[in-house]
C-alpha atoms as a PDB file:
ATOM      1  CA  MET A   1     166.960 160.072 -85.311  1.00  0.00           C
ATOM      2  CA  LYS A   2     169.506 158.815 -87.861  1.00  0.00           C
ATOM      3  CA  SER A   3     171.942 161.261 -89.577  1.00  0.00           C
ATOM      4  CA  SER A   4     171.463 161.669 -93.369  1.00  0.00           C
ATOM      5  CA  ARG A   5     175.087 162.388 -94.012  1.00  0.00           C
ATOM      6  CA  LYS A   6     177.272 159.640 -95.448  1.00  0.00           C
ATOM      7  CA  GLN A   7     180.763 158.973 -94.177  1.00  0.00           C
ATOM      8  CA  SER A   8     183.307 159.636 -96.958  1.00  0.00           C
ATOM      9  CA  ALA A   9     185.904 156.986 -97.778  1.00  0.00           C
ATOM     10  CA  PHE A  10     188.097 155.801-100.641  1.00  0.00           C
ATOM     11  CA  THR A  11     186.595 152.933-102.609  1.00  0.00           C
ATOM     12  CA  LEU A  12     188.980 150.122-103.767  1.00  0.00           C
ATOM     13  CA  VAL A  13     188.912 151.396-107.248  1.00  0.00           C
ATOM     14  CA  GLU A  14     189.926 154.905-106.214  1.00  0.00           C
ATOM     15  CA  LEU A  15     192.756 153.445-104.173  1.00  0.00           C
ATOM     16  CA  LEU A  16     194.102 151.444-107.015  1.00  0.00           C
ATOM     17  CA  VAL A  17     193.954 154.473-109.272  1.00  0.00           C
ATOM     18  CA  VAL A  18     195.995 156.411-106.809  1.00  0.00           C
ATOM     19  CA  ILE A  19     198.544 153.641-106.515  1.00  0.00           C
ATOM     20  CA  ALA A  20     198.848 153.416-110.226  1.00  0.00           C
ATOM     21  CA  ILE A  21     199.392 157.171-110.582  1.00  0.00           C
ATOM     22  CA  ILE A  22     202.052 157.053-107.963  1.00  0.00           C
ATOM     23  CA  GLY A  23     203.726 154.070-109.779  1.00  0.00           C
ATOM     24  CA  VAL A  24     203.673 156.018-113.028  1.00  0.00           C
ATOM     25  CA  LEU A  25     205.221 159.134-111.399  1.00  0.00           C
ATOM     26  CA  ILE A  26     208.009 157.042-109.897  1.00  0.00           C
ATOM     27  CA  ALA A  27     208.632 155.364-113.211  1.00  0.00           C
ATOM     28  CA  LEU A  28     208.956 158.812-114.857  1.00  0.00           C
ATOM     29  CA  LEU A  29     211.070 160.328-112.054  1.00  0.00           C
ATOM     30  CA  LEU A  30     213.524 157.460-111.419  1.00  0.00           C
ATOM     31  CA  PRO A  31     215.386 157.756-114.844  1.00  0.00           C
ATOM     32  CA  ALA A  32     215.710 161.426-114.379  1.00  0.00           C
ATOM     33  CA  VAL A  33     217.103 160.987-110.929  1.00  0.00           C
ATOM     34  CA  GLN A  34     219.540 158.389-112.138  1.00  0.00           C
ATOM     35  CA  GLN A  35     220.679 160.587-114.963  1.00  0.00           C
ATOM     36  CA  ALA A  36     221.218 163.531-112.534  1.00  0.00           C
ATOM     37  CA  ARG A  37     223.331 161.223-110.290  1.00  0.00           C
ATOM     38  CA  GLU A  38     225.429 159.977-113.200  1.00  0.00           C
ATOM     39  CA  ALA A  39     225.907 163.557-114.431  1.00  0.00           C
ATOM     40  CA  ALA A  40     227.135 164.462-110.975  1.00  0.00           C
ATOM     41  CA  ARG A  41     229.460 161.339-110.917  1.00  0.00           C
ATOM     42  CA  ARG A  42     230.759 162.176-114.418  1.00  0.00           C
ATOM     43  CA  MET A  43     231.497 165.688-113.405  1.00  0.00           C
ATOM     44  CA  SER A  44     233.379 164.426-110.296  1.00  0.00           C
ATOM     45  CA  CYS A  45     235.335 162.033-112.531  1.00  0.00           C
ATOM     46  CA  SER A  46     236.169 164.910-114.856  1.00  0.00           C
ATOM     47  CA  ASN A  47     237.411 166.981-111.875  1.00  0.00           C
ATOM     48  CA  ASN A  48     239.596 164.017-110.741  1.00  0.00           C
ATOM     49  CA  GLN A  49     241.225 163.799-114.097  1.00  0.00           C
ATOM     50  CA  LYS A  50     241.675 167.578-114.220  1.00  0.00           C
ATOM     51  CA  GLN A  51     243.555 167.354-110.799  1.00  0.00           C
ATOM     52  CA  LEU A  52     245.689 164.497-112.089  1.00  0.00           C
ATOM     53  CA  ALA A  53     246.593 166.362-115.307  1.00  0.00           C
ATOM     54  CA  LEU A  54     247.541 169.505-113.230  1.00  0.00           C
ATOM     55  CA  ALA A  55     249.578 167.300-110.829  1.00  0.00           C
ATOM     56  CA  MET A  56     251.463 166.003-113.905  1.00  0.00           C
ATOM     57  CA  HIS A  57     252.161 169.633-114.968  1.00  0.00           C
ATOM     58  CA  ASN A  58     253.528 170.450-111.559  1.00  0.00           C
ATOM     59  CA  TYR A  59     255.690 167.366-111.669  1.00  0.00           C
ATOM     60  CA  HIS A  60     256.992 168.422-115.070  1.00  0.00           C
ATOM     61  CA  ASP A  61     257.678 172.000-113.774  1.00  0.00           C
ATOM     62  CA  SER A  62     259.588 170.590-110.811  1.00  0.00           C
ATOM     63  CA  LEU A  63     261.518 167.711-112.627  1.00  0.00           C
ATOM     64  CA  GLY A  64     261.595 168.726-116.277  1.00  0.00           C
ATOM     65  CA  SER A  65     259.397 165.801-117.553  1.00  0.00           C
ATOM     66  CA  PHE A  66     256.361 163.842-116.917  1.00  0.00           C
ATOM     67  CA  PRO A  67     256.961 160.809-114.602  1.00  0.00           C
ATOM     68  CA  PRO A  68     257.985 157.462-116.154  1.00  0.00           C
ATOM     69  CA  MET A  69     255.447 154.764-116.481  1.00  0.00           C
ATOM     70  CA  VAL A  70     257.120 152.889-113.602  1.00  0.00           C
ATOM     71  CA  VAL A  71     260.350 153.246-111.747  1.00  0.00           C
ATOM     72  CA  LYS A  72     262.483 150.425-113.022  1.00  0.00           C
ATOM     73  CA  PRO A  73     263.949 148.398-110.089  1.00  0.00           C
ATOM     74  CA  ASN A  74     266.840 146.065-110.081  1.00  0.00           C
ATOM     75  CA  PRO A  75     266.069 143.224-110.763  1.00  0.00           C
ATOM     76  CA  THR A  76     263.343 144.246-113.125  1.00  0.00           C
ATOM     77  CA  THR A  77     261.110 141.284-112.166  1.00  0.00           C
ATOM     78  CA  THR A  78     260.390 142.812-108.869  1.00  0.00           C
ATOM     79  CA  PRO A  79     257.358 145.222-108.172  1.00  0.00           C
ATOM     80  CA  ALA A  80     257.839 148.901-109.029  1.00  0.00           C
ATOM     81  CA  TRP A  81     256.372 152.284-108.097  1.00  0.00           C
ATOM     82  CA  ALA A  82     254.026 153.677-110.736  1.00  0.00           C
ATOM     83  CA  TRP A  83     253.707 157.197-112.228  1.00  0.00           C
ATOM     84  CA  SER A  84     250.644 157.664-109.942  1.00  0.00           C
ATOM     85  CA  ALA A  85     252.699 157.231-106.731  1.00  0.00           C
ATOM     86  CA  LEU A  86     255.225 159.701-107.944  1.00  0.00           C
ATOM     87  CA  ILE A  87     252.780 162.507-108.313  1.00  0.00           C
ATOM     88  CA  LEU A  88     251.314 162.145-104.835  1.00  0.00           C
ATOM     89  CA  PRO A  89     252.869 165.375-103.516  1.00  0.00           C
ATOM     90  CA  MET A  90     251.288 167.247-106.331  1.00  0.00           C
ATOM     91  CA  LEU A  91     247.867 165.944-105.352  1.00  0.00           C
ATOM     92  CA  GLU A  92     248.300 167.327-101.648  1.00  0.00           C
ATOM     93  CA  GLN A  93     249.172 163.760-100.619  1.00  0.00           C
ATOM     94  CA  GLY A  94     252.736 164.495 -99.648  1.00  0.00           C
ATOM     95  CA  ASN A  95     252.266 162.924 -96.257  1.00  0.00           C
ATOM     96  CA  ILE A  96     251.396 159.607 -97.979  1.00  0.00           C
ATOM     97  CA  HIS A  97     254.318 159.935-100.354  1.00  0.00           C
ATOM     98  CA  GLU A  98     256.726 160.577 -97.425  1.00  0.00           C
ATOM     99  CA  SER A  99     255.242 157.895 -95.194  1.00  0.00           C
ATOM    100  CA  LEU A 100     255.689 155.296 -98.058  1.00  0.00           C
ATOM    101  CA  GLN A 101     259.163 156.680 -98.876  1.00  0.00           C
ATOM    102  CA  VAL A 102     258.307 156.554-102.615  1.00  0.00           C
ATOM    103  CA  GLY A 103     261.506 156.593-104.499  1.00  0.00           C
ATOM    104  CA  LYS A 104     263.695 156.256-101.431  1.00  0.00           C
ATOM    105  CA  LEU A 105     262.552 152.686-100.795  1.00  0.00           C
ATOM    106  CA  THR A 106     261.547 150.155-103.410  1.00  0.00           C
ATOM    107  CA  LEU A 107     257.869 149.222-103.484  1.00  0.00           C
ATOM    108  CA  THR A 108     258.655 145.883-101.949  1.00  0.00           C
ATOM    109  CA  ALA A 109     260.698 147.495 -99.214  1.00  0.00           C
ATOM    110  CA  SER A 110     257.950 150.032 -98.420  1.00  0.00           C
ATOM    111  CA  ALA A 111     255.396 147.224 -98.261  1.00  0.00           C
ATOM    112  CA  GLY A 112     257.468 145.684 -95.469  1.00  0.00           C
ATOM    113  CA  THR A 113     257.171 148.740 -93.264  1.00  0.00           C
ATOM    114  CA  THR A 114     254.294 149.531 -90.868  1.00  0.00           C
ATOM    115  CA  ASN A 115     253.326 152.496 -92.936  1.00  0.00           C
ATOM    116  CA  GLY A 116     253.301 150.473 -96.133  1.00  0.00           C
ATOM    117  CA  LYS A 117     251.057 147.892 -94.538  1.00  0.00           C
ATOM    118  CA  ASN A 118     248.682 150.489 -93.399  1.00  0.00           C
ATOM    119  CA  ILE A 119     248.592 152.718 -96.544  1.00  0.00           C
ATOM    120  CA  LEU A 120     249.160 150.705 -99.684  1.00  0.00           C
ATOM    121  CA  GLY A 121     245.754 149.124 -99.652  1.00  0.00           C
ATOM    122  CA  LEU A 122     243.847 152.302 -99.097  1.00  0.00           C
ATOM    123  CA  PRO A 123     241.575 153.779-101.748  1.00  0.00           C
ATOM    124  CA  LEU A 124     242.492 157.289-102.642  1.00  0.00           C
ATOM    125  CA  GLU A 125     239.803 159.704-103.772  1.00  0.00           C
ATOM    126  CA  ALA A 126     241.991 161.216-106.476  1.00  0.00           C
ATOM    127  CA  PHE A 127     242.204 157.871-108.268  1.00  0.00           C
ATOM    128  CA  THR A 128     238.561 156.831-107.797  1.00  0.00           C
ATOM    129  CA  CYS A 129     235.824 157.435-110.306  1.00  0.00           C
ATOM    130  CA  PRO A 130     232.489 157.791-108.454  1.00  0.00           C
ATOM    131  CA  SER A 131     230.844 155.533-111.056  1.00  0.00           C
ATOM    132  CA  ASP A 132     233.393 152.867-110.458  1.00  0.00           C
ATOM    133  CA  ALA A 133     232.420 151.767-106.989  1.00  0.00           C
ATOM    134  CA  ARG A 134     234.790 148.747-106.988  1.00  0.00           C
ATOM    135  CA  ALA A 135     237.742 151.072-107.076  1.00  0.00           C
ATOM    136  CA  SER A 136     237.077 151.759-103.358  1.00  0.00           C
ATOM    137  CA  GLU A 137     237.814 148.142-102.609  1.00  0.00           C
ATOM    138  CA  VAL A 138     241.220 146.553-102.163  1.00  0.00           C
ATOM    139  CA  SER A 139     242.601 144.332-104.888  1.00  0.00           C
ATOM    140  CA  PRO A 140     243.988 140.808-104.380  1.00  0.00           C
ATOM    141  CA  ARG A 141     247.252 141.902-106.062  1.00  0.00           C
ATOM    142  CA  ALA A 142     249.855 141.894-103.306  1.00  0.00           C
ATOM    143  CA  VAL A 143     253.409 142.988-102.705  1.00  0.00           C
ATOM    144  CA  ALA A 144     255.256 141.326 -99.846  1.00  0.00           C
ATOM    145  CA  GLY A 145     251.813 140.142 -98.643  1.00  0.00           C
ATOM    146  CA  VAL A 146     250.349 143.718 -98.643  1.00  0.00           C
ATOM    147  CA  LYS A 147     247.356 143.994-100.915  1.00  0.00           C
ATOM    148  CA  LEU A 148     247.416 147.142-103.182  1.00  0.00           C
ATOM    149  CA  GLY A 149     244.658 149.706-103.549  1.00  0.00           C
ATOM    150  CA  LEU A 150     242.672 150.008-106.776  1.00  0.00           C
ATOM    151  CA  SER A 151     242.639 152.926-109.223  1.00  0.00           C
ATOM    152  CA  SER A 152     240.144 153.922-111.968  1.00  0.00           C
ATOM    153  CA  TYR A 153     242.760 155.694-113.924  1.00  0.00           C
ATOM    154  CA  PRO A 154     245.461 154.048-116.024  1.00  0.00           C
ATOM    155  CA  ALA A 155     247.940 156.174-117.935  1.00  0.00           C
ATOM    156  CA  VAL A 156     247.930 156.185-121.659  1.00  0.00           C
ATOM    157  CA  ASN A 157     250.604 153.941-123.178  1.00  0.00           C
ATOM    158  CA  GLY A 158     249.886 153.960-126.923  1.00  0.00           C
ATOM    159  CA  THR A 159     248.233 152.176-129.762  1.00  0.00           C
ATOM    160  CA  GLY A 160     249.387 148.635-129.073  1.00  0.00           C
ATOM    161  CA  GLN A 161     246.958 145.769-128.535  1.00  0.00           C
ATOM    162  CA  ARG A 162     248.287 146.003-124.940  1.00  0.00           C
ATOM    163  CA  ALA A 163     250.480 148.239-122.878  1.00  0.00           C
ATOM    164  CA  TYR A 164     254.194 147.760-123.590  1.00  0.00           C
ATOM    165  CA  TYR A 165     257.405 148.931-121.974  1.00  0.00           C
ATOM    166  CA  TYR A 166     259.419 151.031-124.477  1.00  0.00           C
ATOM    167  CA  ASP A 167     262.742 149.855-123.191  1.00  0.00           C
ATOM    168  CA  GLN A 168     262.062 146.340-124.018  1.00  0.00           C
ATOM    169  CA  GLY A 169     262.120 147.084-127.715  1.00  0.00           C
ATOM    170  CA  ALA A 170     258.430 147.279-128.568  1.00  0.00           C
ATOM    171  CA  THR A 171     258.920 150.736-130.186  1.00  0.00           C
ATOM    172  CA  ASN A 172     256.171 150.204-132.707  1.00  0.00           C
ATOM    173  CA  TYR A 173     253.574 149.976-130.041  1.00  0.00           C
ATOM    174  CA  ALA A 174     254.676 152.005-126.951  1.00  0.00           C
ATOM    175  CA  SER A 175     253.947 155.311-128.570  1.00  0.00           C
ATOM    176  CA  GLY A 176     252.264 157.300-125.837  1.00  0.00           C
ATOM    177  CA  ILE A 177     253.576 159.465-123.075  1.00  0.00           C
ATOM    178  CA  PHE A 178     253.729 156.569-120.470  1.00  0.00           C
ATOM    179  CA  THR A 179     255.873 153.822-121.949  1.00  0.00           C
ATOM    180  CA  ASP A 180     259.280 153.929-120.244  1.00  0.00           C
ATOM    181  CA  ARG A 181     260.691 152.454-117.069  1.00  0.00           C
ATOM    182  CA  VAL A 182     263.598 154.750-116.848  1.00  0.00           C
ATOM    183  CA  LYS A 183     262.678 158.293-117.991  1.00  0.00           C
ATOM    184  CA  GLY A 184     259.714 160.465-118.458  1.00  0.00           C
ATOM    185  CA  TYR A 185     258.910 162.346-121.528  1.00  0.00           C
ATOM    186  CA  SER A 186     258.827 166.163-121.677  1.00  0.00           C
ATOM    187  CA  PHE A 187     256.643 168.567-123.643  1.00  0.00           C
ATOM    188  CA  ARG A 188     259.330 168.736-126.263  1.00  0.00           C
ATOM    189  CA  ASP A 189     258.782 164.991-126.938  1.00  0.00           C
ATOM    190  CA  ILE A 190     255.103 165.533-127.582  1.00  0.00           C
ATOM    191  CA  THR A 191     255.476 166.753-131.236  1.00  0.00           C
ATOM    192  CA  ASP A 192     251.895 166.085-132.041  1.00  0.00           C
ATOM    193  CA  GLY A 193     250.879 168.845-129.664  1.00  0.00           C
ATOM    194  CA  SER A 194     249.793 168.565-126.095  1.00  0.00           C
ATOM    195  CA  SER A 195     246.126 169.333-126.960  1.00  0.00           C
ATOM    196  CA  ASN A 196     246.234 166.356-129.318  1.00  0.00           C
ATOM    197  CA  THR A 197     247.754 163.806-126.990  1.00  0.00           C
ATOM    198  CA  MET A 198     245.926 161.776-124.315  1.00  0.00           C
ATOM    199  CA  LEU A 199     247.509 161.485-120.821  1.00  0.00           C
ATOM    200  CA  ILE A 200     245.333 159.503-118.590  1.00  0.00           C
ATOM    201  CA  GLY A 201     242.116 157.502-119.291  1.00  0.00           C
ATOM    202  CA  GLU A 202     239.604 155.350-117.393  1.00  0.00           C
ATOM    203  CA  ARG A 203     239.240 151.591-116.945  1.00  0.00           C
ATOM    204  CA  HIS A 204     236.962 149.856-114.486  1.00  0.00           C
ATOM    205  CA  ASP A 205     238.073 146.398-113.191  1.00  0.00           C
ATOM    206  CA  LYS A 206     234.981 144.236-113.522  1.00  0.00           C
ATOM    207  CA  ILE A 207     233.792 143.436-117.056  1.00  0.00           C
ATOM    208  CA  PRO A 208     230.165 142.334-117.419  1.00  0.00           C
ATOM    209  CA  GLY A 209     229.837 138.806-118.689  1.00  0.00           C
ATOM    210  CA  PHE A 210     233.554 137.999-117.926  1.00  0.00           C
ATOM    211  CA  VAL A 211     234.497 135.952-114.911  1.00  0.00           C
ATOM    212  CA  ASN A 212     238.000 137.374-114.374  1.00  0.00           C
ATOM    213  CA  GLU A 213     238.941 140.747-113.412  1.00  0.00           C
ATOM    214  CA  THR A 214     241.347 143.481-114.393  1.00  0.00           C
ATOM    215  CA  TYR A 215     243.108 145.616-111.764  1.00  0.00           C
ATOM    216  CA  THR A 216     244.510 149.020-112.132  1.00  0.00           C
ATOM    217  CA  LEU A 217     246.697 150.015-109.114  1.00  0.00           C
ATOM    218  CA  TRP A 218     247.650 153.492-107.889  1.00  0.00           C
ATOM    219  CA  ALA A 219     250.896 152.473-106.045  1.00  0.00           C
ATOM    220  CA  GLY A 220     252.659 150.450-108.706  1.00  0.00           C
ATOM    221  CA  THR A 221     252.966 147.228-110.625  1.00  0.00           C
ATOM    222  CA  THR A 222     253.484 143.826-109.140  1.00  0.00           C
ATOM    223  CA  SER A 223     255.974 143.159-111.936  1.00  0.00           C
ATOM    224  CA  ALA A 224     258.167 145.676-113.684  1.00  0.00           C
ATOM    225  CA  GLU A 225     259.173 143.095-116.317  1.00  0.00           C
ATOM    226  CA  MET A 226     255.932 141.754-117.724  1.00  0.00           C
ATOM    227  CA  ASP A 227     254.147 143.554-120.448  1.00  0.00           C
ATOM    228  CA  ASP A 228     253.325 140.555-122.468  1.00  0.00           C
ATOM    229  CA  SER A 229     250.761 139.110-120.071  1.00  0.00           C
ATOM    230  CA  GLY A 230     247.080 139.799-119.571  1.00  0.00           C
ATOM    231  CA  TYR A 231     247.349 139.581-115.822  1.00  0.00           C
ATOM    232  CA  TYR A 232     250.370 141.490-114.390  1.00  0.00           C
ATOM    233  CA  GLY A 233     252.858 144.159-115.322  1.00  0.00           C
ATOM    234  CA  SER A 234     252.216 147.218-117.377  1.00  0.00           C
ATOM    235  CA  LEU A 235     248.491 146.429-117.478  1.00  0.00           C
ATOM    236  CA  GLU A 236     248.248 147.360-113.790  1.00  0.00           C
ATOM    237  CA  VAL A 237     249.189 151.041-114.406  1.00  0.00           C
ATOM    238  CA  ALA A 238     248.614 151.850-118.060  1.00  0.00           C
ATOM    239  CA  GLY A 239     246.287 151.164-120.933  1.00  0.00           C
ATOM    240  CA  SER A 240     246.186 151.095-124.705  1.00  0.00           C
ATOM    241  CA  THR A 241     244.071 152.104-127.658  1.00  0.00           C
ATOM    242  CA  GLY A 242     244.519 148.891-129.640  1.00  0.00           C
ATOM    243  CA  PHE A 243     240.850 148.165-129.748  1.00  0.00           C
ATOM    244  CA  PRO A 244     237.539 150.151-129.332  1.00  0.00           C
ATOM    245  CA  MET A 245     236.778 151.455-125.915  1.00  0.00           C
ATOM    246  CA  ASN A 246     234.043 149.877-123.742  1.00  0.00           C
ATOM    247  CA  GLU A 247     234.427 146.573-125.590  1.00  0.00           C
ATOM    248  CA  TRP A 248     235.840 143.142-124.712  1.00  0.00           C
ATOM    249  CA  GLU A 249     236.423 139.945-126.481  1.00  0.00           C
ATOM    250  CA  ASP A 250     236.188 136.740-124.517  1.00  0.00           C
ATOM    251  CA  THR A 251     238.733 134.997-126.870  1.00  0.00           C
ATOM    252  CA  ASN A 252     241.335 137.778-126.533  1.00  0.00           C
ATOM    253  CA  TRP A 253     242.859 138.382-123.130  1.00  0.00           C
ATOM    254  CA  GLN A 254     244.444 141.624-124.350  1.00  0.00           C
ATOM    255  CA  PHE A 255     241.197 143.453-124.016  1.00  0.00           C
ATOM    256  CA  ARG A 256     242.048 143.837-120.386  1.00  0.00           C
ATOM    257  CA  HIS A 257     244.527 146.554-121.434  1.00  0.00           C
ATOM    258  CA  TRP A 258     241.906 148.621-123.235  1.00  0.00           C
ATOM    259  CA  PHE A 259     240.041 151.694-121.864  1.00  0.00           C
ATOM    260  CA  ARG A 260     236.450 151.408-120.573  1.00  0.00           C
ATOM    261  CA  SER A 261     234.235 153.254-118.115  1.00  0.00           C
ATOM    262  CA  LEU A 262     230.867 152.937-116.489  1.00  0.00           C
ATOM    263  CA  HIS A 263     229.752 156.283-117.883  1.00  0.00           C
ATOM    264  CA  PRO A 264     227.173 155.648-120.551  1.00  0.00           C
ATOM    265  CA  GLY A 265     228.428 156.154-124.024  1.00  0.00           C
ATOM    266  CA  GLY A 266     232.110 156.767-123.657  1.00  0.00           C
ATOM    267  CA  VAL A 267     235.294 157.277-121.541  1.00  0.00           C
ATOM    268  CA  MET A 268     236.897 160.319-119.918  1.00  0.00           C
ATOM    269  CA  PHE A 269     240.467 161.198-120.864  1.00  0.00           C
ATOM    270  CA  SER A 270     242.775 163.930-119.687  1.00  0.00           C
ATOM    271  CA  PHE A 271     245.111 165.431-122.228  1.00  0.00           C
ATOM    272  CA  ALA A 272     248.689 166.646-121.999  1.00  0.00           C
ATOM    273  CA  ASP A 273     247.556 170.290-122.114  1.00  0.00           C
ATOM    274  CA  GLY A 274     245.607 169.774-118.985  1.00  0.00           C
ATOM    275  CA  SER A 275     242.126 169.529-120.624  1.00  0.00           C
ATOM    276  CA  VAL A 276     239.650 166.810-120.026  1.00  0.00           C
ATOM    277  CA  HIS A 277     237.448 165.401-122.757  1.00  0.00           C
ATOM    278  CA  PHE A 278     234.625 162.802-122.787  1.00  0.00           C
ATOM    279  CA  LEU A 279     235.313 160.701-125.860  1.00  0.00           C
ATOM    280  CA  SER A 280     232.344 158.815-127.430  1.00  0.00           C
ATOM    281  CA  GLU A 281     232.764 155.011-127.658  1.00  0.00           C
ATOM    282  CA  THR A 282     231.688 155.486-131.398  1.00  0.00           C
ATOM    283  CA  ILE A 283     234.812 157.615-132.013  1.00  0.00           C
ATOM    284  CA  ASP A 284     236.759 156.864-135.320  1.00  0.00           C
ATOM    285  CA  MET A 285     239.358 154.310-134.446  1.00  0.00           C
ATOM    286  CA  THR A 286     242.079 156.027-136.382  1.00  0.00           C
ATOM    287  CA  THR A 287     241.454 159.276-134.567  1.00  0.00           C
ATOM    288  CA  TYR A 288     241.132 157.412-131.289  1.00  0.00           C
ATOM    289  CA  GLN A 289     244.533 155.795-131.752  1.00  0.00           C
ATOM    290  CA  ASN A 290     246.242 158.946-133.026  1.00  0.00           C
ATOM    291  CA  LEU A 291     245.292 160.727-129.900  1.00  0.00           C
ATOM    292  CA  SER A 292     247.226 158.207-127.864  1.00  0.00           C
ATOM    293  CA  ASN A 293     250.391 158.775-129.814  1.00  0.00           C
ATOM    294  CA  ARG A 294     252.768 161.603-128.767  1.00  0.00           C
ATOM    295  CA  SER A 295     254.612 161.976-132.106  1.00  0.00           C
ATOM    296  CA  ASP A 296     253.116 160.172-135.052  1.00  0.00           C
ATOM    297  CA  GLY A 297     252.560 163.396-137.044  1.00  0.00           C
ATOM    298  CA  LYS A 298     249.179 162.283-138.341  1.00  0.00           C
ATOM    299  CA  ILE A 299     246.275 164.536-138.889  1.00  0.00           C
ATOM    300  CA  LEU A 300     243.373 164.073-136.480  1.00  0.00           C
ATOM    301  CA  GLY A 301     239.727 163.797-137.338  1.00  0.00           C
ATOM    302  CA  ASP A 302     236.912 165.330-135.186  1.00  0.00           C
ATOM    303  CA  TYR A 303     236.410 163.985-131.628  1.00  0.00           C
END
């Protein structure tokens, strides 16, 4: 005798409906997951900048000033250690600082040692924004044949269209804390107030729609002379507020000196008082530029 019960099964229509529902749920959840990941990366970036700012304070406490932009070598056309290499001991990277003999050897001489060849191209977490994945790669910039590691964090040079060296006479432009190849500025030189003066910003190296690349390096610059070029020199260790953040102009090579990040809507900056702020890319340009000056005496707008 045949059974009267029917075997249950999904019809094609029911299966398609289930697939459609799953697709809609994924579409709804994916942006939320991406936003959560970016929020975590942004928090990590903020923490990196906080640690860099605190390291600057420790350096100031030990030596009486912030570090210079670069350590001026002789002759000046040779590569030079950057501010970021000088604060390595304050970032619990004293072993790297000692192995490279920062300040004891020139950058070129250090690159010629075994330790230099093994270390100078390494990515350092303290200088890597999690949203800037390329910062974990090695740059093609080389000193004595040794490629230098990338950084996400250039120092703030001032309001010029590009980063300048103060001691070359560009006093109208190099108005930030990191401008000099000889000395570092102290808190008494920041007459606008440490809470109103930017210290370090962000800059990712690959610009969408532009075939060339911009490299920020943690060890130093490949030329301690050049600040009038879009390719080498001060650009490699510092940035300027001459133009709006997160923008570029294909007809103006100077945009490589400007600040930009892969965080949607703005750029993270640490300030001389040790605080960290996410500045909107729509910030008033006058306010933005005033924040990069250490002693212009101008009144700031909201930011």
